[in-house]
Amino acid sequence: MQTSIELNTPRLLLKSITPAIINELFQNKSKEGLMQFFNMDEAGYERLKEMNEAGMESFRVALFYFLLIDKTSGKVIGECGFHSWNKAHHRAELYYHLKNDSDKRKGLMTEAVKEVLNYAYNELKLHRVQALVARENIASIKLLERFKFQKEGVLREDYLVDGKMEDSVCYSLLKHEWESGK
């Protein structure tokens, strides 16, 4: 199997996932095995299968994220990483997600984002990390502001949600800002 990177926080194990790892998993695991590995339902499996078949990487842009594994239960509880990692321009778009509401508001994503940003700036050699969030996602905005992300502006009608175009608020954090905030 492709080499996976593992990061640790007090409560989480972060295990890296890349397009190559996903492709290898599809070649070597059954549908049920994949669903169990990623702790996903049928819809999640179909989405991942579609992404794998369509291709998740181009010459300059790749997907790179970490599965968030609860150290106590050993279960995948979420993801944190980059939708689009542009290697040529040393930038990436951060995303994060917890699968269950019961895991939210416990500081788990704060632990994960801190480790992912540290890895991004030190190992991936990123200069800029940006995040796009819905205006009403106050918890996400507070998380970004905790790490000193700066609001840059609004991308009008940027996402299609339930058949309706919605705005995204763009936040970014530059490497020197990350380093000065440590």
N, C-alpha and C. Protein backbone atom coordinates (compact mmCIF):
# COMPACT_ATOMS: atom_id res chain seq x y z
N MET A 1 0.84 -1.20 0.00
CA MET A 1 0.00 0.00 0.00
C MET A 1 0.87 1.24 0.00
N GLN A 2 0.34 2.31 -0.61
CA GLN A 2 1.04 3.59 -0.61
C GLN A 2 1.33 4.00 0.83
N THR A 3 2.41 4.70 1.03
CA THR A 3 2.78 5.15 2.36
C THR A 3 1.78 6.18 2.86
N SER A 4 1.29 5.94 4.06
CA SER A 4 0.36 6.86 4.69
C SER A 4 1.11 7.60 5.80
N ILE A 5 0.79 8.86 5.96
CA ILE A 5 1.39 9.69 7.00
C ILE A 5 0.43 9.68 8.18
N GLU A 6 0.96 9.58 9.38
CA GLU A 6 0.13 9.61 10.57
C GLU A 6 0.57 10.74 11.48
N LEU A 7 -0.40 11.52 11.92
CA LEU A 7 -0.18 12.60 12.88
C LEU A 7 -1.01 12.29 14.11
N ASN A 8 -0.57 12.79 15.26
CA ASN A 8 -1.28 12.53 16.50
C ASN A 8 -1.63 13.82 17.22
N THR A 9 -2.80 13.83 17.82
CA THR A 9 -3.21 14.87 18.75
C THR A 9 -3.56 14.13 20.03
N PRO A 10 -3.86 14.82 21.10
CA PRO A 10 -4.21 14.09 22.33
C PRO A 10 -5.34 13.08 22.15
N ARG A 11 -6.35 13.39 21.32
CA ARG A 11 -7.50 12.50 21.19
C ARG A 11 -7.67 11.87 19.82
N LEU A 12 -6.86 12.28 18.85
CA LEU A 12 -7.06 11.84 17.48
C LEU A 12 -5.80 11.28 16.84
N LEU A 13 -6.01 10.32 15.95
CA LEU A 13 -4.99 9.86 15.03
C LEU A 13 -5.43 10.39 13.67
N LEU A 14 -4.54 11.08 12.98
CA LEU A 14 -4.83 11.60 11.65
C LEU A 14 -4.05 10.76 10.66
N LYS A 15 -4.76 10.12 9.74
CA LYS A 15 -4.15 9.22 8.77
C LYS A 15 -4.36 9.78 7.37
N SER A 16 -3.27 10.03 6.65
CA SER A 16 -3.36 10.70 5.35
C SER A 16 -4.02 9.83 4.29
N ILE A 17 -4.74 10.53 3.41
CA ILE A 17 -5.39 9.91 2.26
C ILE A 17 -5.04 10.74 1.04
N THR A 18 -4.59 10.05 0.00
CA THR A 18 -4.26 10.70 -1.28
C THR A 18 -5.01 9.97 -2.40
N PRO A 19 -5.08 10.53 -3.59
CA PRO A 19 -5.71 9.81 -4.70
C PRO A 19 -5.07 8.43 -4.94
N ALA A 20 -3.76 8.33 -4.80
CA ALA A 20 -3.09 7.03 -5.01
C ALA A 20 -3.53 6.01 -3.97
N ILE A 21 -3.67 6.43 -2.72
CA ILE A 21 -4.12 5.52 -1.67
C ILE A 21 -5.57 5.10 -1.93
N ILE A 22 -6.42 6.06 -2.31
CA ILE A 22 -7.82 5.72 -2.60
C ILE A 22 -7.89 4.74 -3.77
N ASN A 23 -7.13 4.97 -4.82
CA ASN A 23 -7.12 4.08 -5.98
C ASN A 23 -6.69 2.67 -5.56
N GLU A 24 -5.65 2.59 -4.74
CA GLU A 24 -5.16 1.28 -4.28
C GLU A 24 -6.21 0.57 -3.41
N LEU A 25 -6.90 1.33 -2.57
CA LEU A 25 -7.95 0.74 -1.74
C LEU A 25 -9.07 0.16 -2.61
N PHE A 26 -9.45 0.87 -3.68
CA PHE A 26 -10.48 0.37 -4.58
C PHE A 26 -10.02 -0.91 -5.29
N GLN A 27 -8.74 -1.02 -5.55
CA GLN A 27 -8.22 -2.22 -6.21
C GLN A 27 -8.14 -3.42 -5.27
N ASN A 28 -7.97 -3.16 -3.96
CA ASN A 28 -7.68 -4.25 -3.03
C ASN A 28 -8.75 -4.53 -1.99
N LYS A 29 -9.76 -3.71 -1.88
CA LYS A 29 -10.80 -3.93 -0.88
C LYS A 29 -12.17 -4.06 -1.55
N SER A 30 -13.03 -4.80 -0.90
CA SER A 30 -14.41 -4.92 -1.36
C SER A 30 -15.16 -3.63 -1.03
N LYS A 31 -16.35 -3.51 -1.59
CA LYS A 31 -17.20 -2.36 -1.28
C LYS A 31 -17.42 -2.27 0.23
N GLU A 32 -17.73 -3.38 0.85
CA GLU A 32 -17.96 -3.41 2.29
C GLU A 32 -16.69 -3.03 3.06
N GLY A 33 -15.55 -3.50 2.57
CA GLY A 33 -14.27 -3.18 3.20
C GLY A 33 -13.97 -1.68 3.13
N LEU A 34 -14.27 -1.09 1.99
CA LEU A 34 -14.07 0.36 1.83
C LEU A 34 -15.02 1.14 2.73
N MET A 35 -16.26 0.73 2.78
CA MET A 35 -17.24 1.43 3.62
C MET A 35 -16.82 1.35 5.09
N GLN A 36 -16.29 0.21 5.49
CA GLN A 36 -15.84 0.06 6.87
C GLN A 36 -14.57 0.88 7.12
N PHE A 37 -13.61 0.86 6.18
CA PHE A 37 -12.36 1.60 6.33
C PHE A 37 -12.62 3.09 6.53
N PHE A 38 -13.52 3.65 5.71
CA PHE A 38 -13.81 5.08 5.76
C PHE A 38 -14.97 5.42 6.71
N ASN A 39 -15.60 4.39 7.30
CA ASN A 39 -16.77 4.57 8.16
C ASN A 39 -17.81 5.42 7.43
N MET A 40 -18.22 4.92 6.25
CA MET A 40 -19.16 5.68 5.41
C MET A 40 -20.36 4.83 5.06
N ASP A 41 -21.42 5.52 4.68
CA ASP A 41 -22.64 4.84 4.24
C ASP A 41 -22.59 4.63 2.73
N GLU A 42 -23.68 4.11 2.20
CA GLU A 42 -23.78 3.83 0.76
C GLU A 42 -23.56 5.08 -0.09
N ALA A 43 -24.16 6.19 0.31
CA ALA A 43 -24.02 7.45 -0.45
C ALA A 43 -22.56 7.91 -0.45
N GLY A 44 -21.89 7.80 0.68
CA GLY A 44 -20.48 8.17 0.78
C GLY A 44 -19.62 7.30 -0.12
N TYR A 45 -19.92 6.01 -0.12
CA TYR A 45 -19.18 5.08 -0.99
C TYR A 45 -19.36 5.46 -2.45
N GLU A 46 -20.59 5.72 -2.87
CA GLU A 46 -20.87 6.05 -4.27
C GLU A 46 -20.16 7.34 -4.67
N ARG A 47 -20.12 8.32 -3.76
CA ARG A 47 -19.43 9.59 -4.05
C ARG A 47 -17.93 9.34 -4.23
N LEU A 48 -17.34 8.56 -3.32
CA LEU A 48 -15.91 8.27 -3.41
C LEU A 48 -15.59 7.46 -4.67
N LYS A 49 -16.44 6.52 -5.00
CA LYS A 49 -16.26 5.71 -6.21
C LYS A 49 -16.28 6.60 -7.45
N GLU A 50 -17.26 7.51 -7.50
CA GLU A 50 -17.38 8.43 -8.63
C GLU A 50 -16.13 9.31 -8.74
N MET A 51 -15.67 9.83 -7.60
CA MET A 51 -14.46 10.67 -7.59
C MET A 51 -13.26 9.87 -8.09
N ASN A 52 -13.12 8.63 -7.62
CA ASN A 52 -11.99 7.80 -8.02
C ASN A 52 -12.01 7.51 -9.51
N GLU A 53 -13.19 7.20 -10.03
CA GLU A 53 -13.31 6.88 -11.45
C GLU A 53 -13.09 8.10 -12.34
N ALA A 54 -13.50 9.27 -11.86
CA ALA A 54 -13.35 10.50 -12.65
C ALA A 54 -11.93 11.05 -12.59
N GLY A 55 -11.19 10.69 -11.55
CA GLY A 55 -9.83 11.20 -11.38
C GLY A 55 -9.82 12.35 -10.39
N MET A 56 -8.94 12.28 -9.42
CA MET A 56 -8.89 13.29 -8.36
C MET A 56 -7.62 14.11 -8.39
N GLU A 57 -6.87 14.01 -9.46
CA GLU A 57 -5.59 14.69 -9.49
C GLU A 57 -5.30 15.13 -10.92
N SER A 58 -4.67 16.28 -11.04
CA SER A 58 -4.23 16.76 -12.34
C SER A 58 -2.74 17.05 -12.26
N PHE A 59 -2.23 17.67 -13.29
CA PHE A 59 -0.80 17.98 -13.31
C PHE A 59 -0.37 18.83 -12.13
N ARG A 60 -1.19 19.81 -11.75
CA ARG A 60 -0.82 20.74 -10.68
C ARG A 60 -1.64 20.63 -9.41
N VAL A 61 -2.83 20.07 -9.48
CA VAL A 61 -3.74 20.10 -8.34
C VAL A 61 -4.06 18.69 -7.87
N ALA A 62 -4.01 18.49 -6.55
CA ALA A 62 -4.28 17.18 -5.99
C ALA A 62 -5.16 17.30 -4.75
N LEU A 63 -5.78 16.21 -4.39
CA LEU A 63 -6.54 16.07 -3.16
C LEU A 63 -5.58 15.50 -2.12
N PHE A 64 -5.61 16.03 -0.91
CA PHE A 64 -4.78 15.51 0.17
C PHE A 64 -5.50 15.81 1.48
N TYR A 65 -5.84 14.76 2.21
CA TYR A 65 -6.53 14.99 3.48
C TYR A 65 -6.19 13.89 4.47
N PHE A 66 -6.67 14.09 5.68
CA PHE A 66 -6.47 13.12 6.75
C PHE A 66 -7.81 12.62 7.25
N LEU A 67 -7.90 11.32 7.47
CA LEU A 67 -9.03 10.76 8.20
C LEU A 67 -8.80 11.08 9.66
N LEU A 68 -9.85 11.48 10.36
CA LEU A 68 -9.76 11.76 11.79
C LEU A 68 -10.28 10.52 12.51
N ILE A 69 -9.39 9.86 13.23
CA ILE A 69 -9.73 8.61 13.90
C ILE A 69 -9.71 8.85 15.41
N ASP A 70 -10.84 8.56 16.06
CA ASP A 70 -10.93 8.69 17.51
C ASP A 70 -10.04 7.62 18.14
N LYS A 71 -9.09 8.04 18.96
CA LYS A 71 -8.15 7.09 19.57
C LYS A 71 -8.85 6.11 20.51
N THR A 72 -9.92 6.52 21.14
CA THR A 72 -10.62 5.65 22.08
C THR A 72 -11.38 4.54 21.36
N SER A 73 -12.16 4.92 20.34
CA SER A 73 -13.01 3.93 19.65
C SER A 73 -12.35 3.30 18.44
N GLY A 74 -11.34 4.00 17.87
CA GLY A 74 -10.71 3.51 16.64
C GLY A 74 -11.53 3.78 15.40
N LYS A 75 -12.62 4.54 15.53
CA LYS A 75 -13.51 4.82 14.40
C LYS A 75 -13.16 6.14 13.72
N VAL A 76 -13.37 6.17 12.40
CA VAL A 76 -13.23 7.40 11.63
C VAL A 76 -14.40 8.30 11.99
N ILE A 77 -14.08 9.51 12.49
CA ILE A 77 -15.15 10.43 12.88
C ILE A 77 -15.23 11.66 11.98
N GLY A 78 -14.26 11.81 11.07
CA GLY A 78 -14.29 12.97 10.19
C GLY A 78 -13.09 13.03 9.27
N GLU A 79 -12.94 14.20 8.66
CA GLU A 79 -11.85 14.45 7.71
C GLU A 79 -11.35 15.87 7.89
N CYS A 80 -10.09 16.08 7.55
CA CYS A 80 -9.53 17.43 7.56
C CYS A 80 -8.36 17.42 6.58
N GLY A 81 -8.37 18.36 5.66
CA GLY A 81 -7.29 18.41 4.68
C GLY A 81 -7.59 19.41 3.59
N PHE A 82 -7.21 19.04 2.37
CA PHE A 82 -7.26 19.99 1.27
C PHE A 82 -8.03 19.46 0.08
N HIS A 83 -9.08 20.20 -0.32
CA HIS A 83 -9.83 19.90 -1.55
C HIS A 83 -8.89 20.01 -2.74
N SER A 84 -8.17 21.10 -2.76
CA SER A 84 -7.29 21.36 -3.89
C SER A 84 -5.95 21.88 -3.38
N TRP A 85 -4.95 21.07 -3.59
CA TRP A 85 -3.58 21.41 -3.22
C TRP A 85 -2.85 21.73 -4.51
N ASN A 86 -2.53 22.99 -4.71
CA ASN A 86 -1.82 23.42 -5.91
C ASN A 86 -0.33 23.48 -5.59
N LYS A 87 0.37 22.45 -6.01
CA LYS A 87 1.79 22.30 -5.68
C LYS A 87 2.64 23.39 -6.33
N ALA A 88 2.30 23.77 -7.54
CA ALA A 88 3.11 24.75 -8.27
C ALA A 88 3.07 26.13 -7.62
N HIS A 89 1.92 26.47 -7.03
CA HIS A 89 1.76 27.80 -6.45
C HIS A 89 1.77 27.80 -4.92
N HIS A 90 2.06 26.64 -4.33
CA HIS A 90 2.22 26.51 -2.86
C HIS A 90 0.99 27.01 -2.10
N ARG A 91 -0.19 26.57 -2.58
CA ARG A 91 -1.42 26.96 -1.89
C ARG A 91 -2.40 25.79 -1.90
N ALA A 92 -3.36 25.86 -0.97
CA ALA A 92 -4.37 24.82 -0.90
C ALA A 92 -5.63 25.36 -0.24
N GLU A 93 -6.76 24.69 -0.51
CA GLU A 93 -8.03 25.05 0.11
C GLU A 93 -8.35 24.04 1.20
N LEU A 94 -8.41 24.52 2.41
CA LEU A 94 -8.69 23.71 3.58
C LEU A 94 -10.17 23.33 3.65
N TYR A 95 -10.43 22.10 4.05
CA TYR A 95 -11.78 21.69 4.40
C TYR A 95 -11.72 20.78 5.60
N TYR A 96 -12.84 20.68 6.29
CA TYR A 96 -12.92 19.82 7.47
C TYR A 96 -14.37 19.43 7.67
N HIS A 97 -14.56 18.28 8.30
CA HIS A 97 -15.91 17.76 8.47
C HIS A 97 -15.91 16.71 9.57
N LEU A 98 -16.86 16.83 10.47
CA LEU A 98 -17.12 15.78 11.46
C LEU A 98 -18.41 15.08 11.05
N LYS A 99 -18.41 13.76 11.08
CA LYS A 99 -19.55 12.98 10.60
C LYS A 99 -20.78 13.10 11.49
N ASN A 100 -20.58 13.20 12.80
CA ASN A 100 -21.71 13.19 13.73
C ASN A 100 -21.75 14.45 14.58
N ASP A 101 -22.96 14.97 14.76
CA ASP A 101 -23.14 16.15 15.60
C ASP A 101 -22.63 15.92 17.02
N SER A 102 -22.68 14.68 17.48
CA SER A 102 -22.24 14.37 18.85
C SER A 102 -20.75 14.61 19.05
N ASP A 103 -19.98 14.69 17.97
CA ASP A 103 -18.53 14.95 18.07
C ASP A 103 -18.20 16.44 17.99
N LYS A 104 -19.19 17.25 17.66
CA LYS A 104 -18.96 18.69 17.50
C LYS A 104 -18.95 19.40 18.84
N ARG A 105 -18.31 20.57 18.86
CA ARG A 105 -18.21 21.43 20.03
C ARG A 105 -17.43 20.79 21.19
N LYS A 106 -16.47 19.95 20.82
CA LYS A 106 -15.62 19.31 21.82
C LYS A 106 -14.14 19.66 21.61
N GLY A 107 -13.86 20.52 20.64
CA GLY A 107 -12.49 20.91 20.36
C GLY A 107 -11.72 19.93 19.49
N LEU A 108 -12.38 18.92 18.98
CA LEU A 108 -11.69 17.92 18.14
C LEU A 108 -11.17 18.53 16.85
N MET A 109 -11.98 19.38 16.21
CA MET A 109 -11.52 19.98 14.96
C MET A 109 -10.41 20.99 15.21
N THR A 110 -10.41 21.65 16.35
CA THR A 110 -9.31 22.54 16.69
C THR A 110 -8.00 21.75 16.76
N GLU A 111 -8.04 20.58 17.40
CA GLU A 111 -6.85 19.72 17.46
C GLU A 111 -6.40 19.32 16.06
N ALA A 112 -7.35 18.90 15.24
CA ALA A 112 -7.02 18.41 13.90
C ALA A 112 -6.47 19.53 13.01
N VAL A 113 -7.15 20.68 12.98
CA VAL A 113 -6.73 21.77 12.11
C VAL A 113 -5.32 22.24 12.48
N LYS A 114 -5.03 22.32 13.76
CA LYS A 114 -3.69 22.74 14.20
C LYS A 114 -2.62 21.82 13.61
N GLU A 115 -2.81 20.53 13.70
CA GLU A 115 -1.83 19.58 13.16
C GLU A 115 -1.75 19.62 11.65
N VAL A 116 -2.91 19.76 10.99
CA VAL A 116 -2.95 19.80 9.53
C VAL A 116 -2.26 21.06 9.01
N LEU A 117 -2.50 22.19 9.66
CA LEU A 117 -1.82 23.43 9.24
C LEU A 117 -0.31 23.33 9.47
N ASN A 118 0.08 22.80 10.59
CA ASN A 118 1.51 22.62 10.86
C ASN A 118 2.15 21.76 9.78
N TYR A 119 1.49 20.67 9.42
CA TYR A 119 1.99 19.77 8.37
C TYR A 119 2.03 20.51 7.02
N ALA A 120 0.98 21.28 6.75
CA ALA A 120 0.89 21.98 5.46
C ALA A 120 2.04 22.96 5.27
N TYR A 121 2.31 23.76 6.30
CA TYR A 121 3.35 24.78 6.16
C TYR A 121 4.76 24.20 6.24
N ASN A 122 4.95 23.17 7.05
CA ASN A 122 6.29 22.63 7.25
C ASN A 122 6.66 21.49 6.30
N GLU A 123 5.71 20.64 5.95
CA GLU A 123 6.03 19.48 5.11
C GLU A 123 5.59 19.66 3.66
N LEU A 124 4.41 20.22 3.45
CA LEU A 124 3.94 20.44 2.08
C LEU A 124 4.49 21.73 1.49
N LYS A 125 5.12 22.54 2.35
CA LYS A 125 5.74 23.81 1.94
C LYS A 125 4.74 24.79 1.35
N LEU A 126 3.55 24.81 1.94
CA LEU A 126 2.55 25.77 1.48
C LEU A 126 2.89 27.17 1.94
N HIS A 127 2.49 28.14 1.14
CA HIS A 127 2.63 29.55 1.48
C HIS A 127 1.27 30.12 1.91
N ARG A 128 0.20 29.59 1.30
CA ARG A 128 -1.14 30.11 1.54
C ARG A 128 -2.12 28.95 1.72
N VAL A 129 -2.97 29.08 2.74
CA VAL A 129 -4.08 28.16 2.93
C VAL A 129 -5.34 29.02 2.97
N GLN A 130 -6.33 28.64 2.19
CA GLN A 130 -7.58 29.37 2.21
C GLN A 130 -8.71 28.42 2.56
N ALA A 131 -9.81 29.00 3.02
CA ALA A 131 -11.00 28.22 3.34
C ALA A 131 -12.21 29.02 2.89
N LEU A 132 -13.18 28.33 2.32
CA LEU A 132 -14.42 28.94 1.88
C LEU A 132 -15.54 28.41 2.74
N VAL A 133 -16.30 29.32 3.36
CA VAL A 133 -17.37 28.89 4.26
C VAL A 133 -18.65 29.67 3.98
N ALA A 134 -19.76 29.07 4.34
CA ALA A 134 -21.04 29.75 4.24
C ALA A 134 -21.12 30.81 5.33
N ARG A 135 -21.74 31.93 5.02
CA ARG A 135 -21.86 33.03 5.99
C ARG A 135 -22.48 32.59 7.30
N GLU A 136 -23.45 31.69 7.23
CA GLU A 136 -24.17 31.28 8.43
C GLU A 136 -23.45 30.19 9.24
N ASN A 137 -22.31 29.72 8.75
CA ASN A 137 -21.58 28.68 9.46
C ASN A 137 -20.66 29.34 10.51
N ILE A 138 -21.27 29.82 11.58
CA ILE A 138 -20.56 30.57 12.61
C ILE A 138 -19.48 29.72 13.28
N ALA A 139 -19.76 28.46 13.54
CA ALA A 139 -18.77 27.59 14.19
C ALA A 139 -17.50 27.48 13.34
N SER A 140 -17.67 27.34 12.05
CA SER A 140 -16.52 27.24 11.15
C SER A 140 -15.75 28.56 11.09
N ILE A 141 -16.47 29.66 11.04
CA ILE A 141 -15.82 30.97 11.01
C ILE A 141 -15.02 31.19 12.29
N LYS A 142 -15.59 30.83 13.43
CA LYS A 142 -14.87 30.98 14.70
C LYS A 142 -13.62 30.10 14.73
N LEU A 143 -13.71 28.90 14.17
CA LEU A 143 -12.54 28.02 14.11
C LEU A 143 -11.42 28.67 13.29
N LEU A 144 -11.77 29.20 12.14
CA LEU A 144 -10.76 29.85 11.29
C LEU A 144 -10.17 31.07 11.98
N GLU A 145 -11.01 31.87 12.59
CA GLU A 145 -10.52 33.07 13.28
C GLU A 145 -9.63 32.71 14.47
N ARG A 146 -9.89 31.57 15.10
CA ARG A 146 -9.04 31.11 16.20
C ARG A 146 -7.60 30.92 15.73
N PHE A 147 -7.44 30.50 14.48
CA PHE A 147 -6.10 30.29 13.91
C PHE A 147 -5.60 31.52 13.15
N LYS A 148 -6.30 32.65 13.30
CA LYS A 148 -5.90 33.93 12.72
C LYS A 148 -6.06 34.01 11.21
N PHE A 149 -6.97 33.20 10.65
CA PHE A 149 -7.31 33.36 9.24
C PHE A 149 -7.92 34.74 9.07
N GLN A 150 -7.63 35.38 7.94
CA GLN A 150 -8.14 36.71 7.64
C GLN A 150 -9.27 36.61 6.62
N LYS A 151 -10.35 37.33 6.88
CA LYS A 151 -11.45 37.37 5.92
C LYS A 151 -11.01 38.21 4.73
N GLU A 152 -11.14 37.65 3.54
CA GLU A 152 -10.74 38.37 2.33
C GLU A 152 -11.92 38.95 1.57
N GLY A 153 -13.05 38.26 1.62
CA GLY A 153 -14.20 38.75 0.88
C GLY A 153 -15.21 37.66 0.63
N VAL A 154 -16.15 37.97 -0.22
CA VAL A 154 -17.25 37.06 -0.52
C VAL A 154 -17.17 36.64 -1.99
N LEU A 155 -17.29 35.35 -2.23
CA LEU A 155 -17.41 34.82 -3.59
C LEU A 155 -18.90 34.64 -3.84
N ARG A 156 -19.44 35.47 -4.68
CA ARG A 156 -20.88 35.49 -4.91
C ARG A 156 -21.33 34.26 -5.69
N GLU A 157 -22.43 33.66 -5.21
CA GLU A 157 -23.04 32.50 -5.85
C GLU A 157 -21.98 31.47 -6.25
N ASP A 158 -21.23 31.04 -5.27
CA ASP A 158 -20.07 30.18 -5.47
C ASP A 158 -20.38 28.68 -5.36
N TYR A 159 -21.38 28.30 -4.58
CA TYR A 159 -21.72 26.90 -4.34
C TYR A 159 -23.17 26.62 -4.70
N LEU A 160 -23.41 25.46 -5.24
CA LEU A 160 -24.77 25.00 -5.51
C LEU A 160 -25.19 24.11 -4.35
N VAL A 161 -26.20 24.54 -3.60
CA VAL A 161 -26.70 23.79 -2.44
C VAL A 161 -28.20 23.60 -2.61
N ASP A 162 -28.61 22.35 -2.70
CA ASP A 162 -30.03 22.03 -2.86
C ASP A 162 -30.69 22.83 -3.98
N GLY A 163 -30.00 22.92 -5.11
CA GLY A 163 -30.54 23.60 -6.27
C GLY A 163 -30.46 25.11 -6.25
N LYS A 164 -29.80 25.67 -5.23
CA LYS A 164 -29.72 27.13 -5.11
C LYS A 164 -28.25 27.54 -5.00
N MET A 165 -27.91 28.61 -5.70
CA MET A 165 -26.54 29.13 -5.62
C MET A 165 -26.37 29.94 -4.34
N GLU A 166 -25.30 29.68 -3.61
CA GLU A 166 -25.04 30.37 -2.36
C GLU A 166 -23.64 30.99 -2.37
N ASP A 167 -23.49 32.04 -1.59
CA ASP A 167 -22.21 32.72 -1.47
C ASP A 167 -21.25 31.95 -0.56
N SER A 168 -19.96 32.18 -0.75
CA SER A 168 -18.91 31.67 0.14
C SER A 168 -18.12 32.86 0.66
N VAL A 169 -17.74 32.78 1.91
CA VAL A 169 -16.84 33.78 2.47
C VAL A 169 -15.44 33.18 2.42
N CYS A 170 -14.49 33.93 1.87
CA CYS A 170 -13.12 33.45 1.71
C CYS A 170 -12.25 33.95 2.86
N TYR A 171 -11.58 33.02 3.50
CA TYR A 171 -10.60 33.31 4.56
C TYR A 171 -9.27 32.74 4.12
N SER A 172 -8.17 33.37 4.55
CA SER A 172 -6.85 32.83 4.21
C SER A 172 -5.88 33.05 5.36
N LEU A 173 -4.84 32.21 5.35
CA LEU A 173 -3.77 32.30 6.33
C LEU A 173 -2.45 32.06 5.58
N LEU A 174 -1.55 33.02 5.66
CA LEU A 174 -0.24 32.91 5.01
C LEU A 174 0.76 32.28 5.98
N LYS A 175 1.79 31.68 5.43
CA LYS A 175 2.76 30.97 6.25
C LYS A 175 3.37 31.87 7.33
N HIS A 176 3.77 33.09 6.99
CA HIS A 176 4.40 33.96 7.99
C HIS A 176 3.41 34.35 9.08
N GLU A 177 2.11 34.41 8.76
CA GLU A 177 1.09 34.69 9.77
C GLU A 177 0.95 33.49 10.72
N TRP A 178 0.98 32.30 10.16
CA TRP A 178 0.94 31.08 10.97
C TRP A 178 2.12 31.03 11.92
N GLU A 179 3.30 31.30 11.39
CA GLU A 179 4.52 31.24 12.21
C GLU A 179 4.52 32.30 13.31
N SER A 180 4.03 33.49 13.01
CA SER A 180 4.03 34.56 14.02
C SER A 180 2.95 34.32 15.08
N GLY A 181 1.94 33.53 14.75
CA GLY A 181 0.87 33.26 15.69
C GLY A 181 1.11 32.10 16.61
N LYS A 182 2.20 31.36 16.39
CA LYS A 182 2.48 30.18 17.23
C LYS A 182 2.88 30.57 18.62
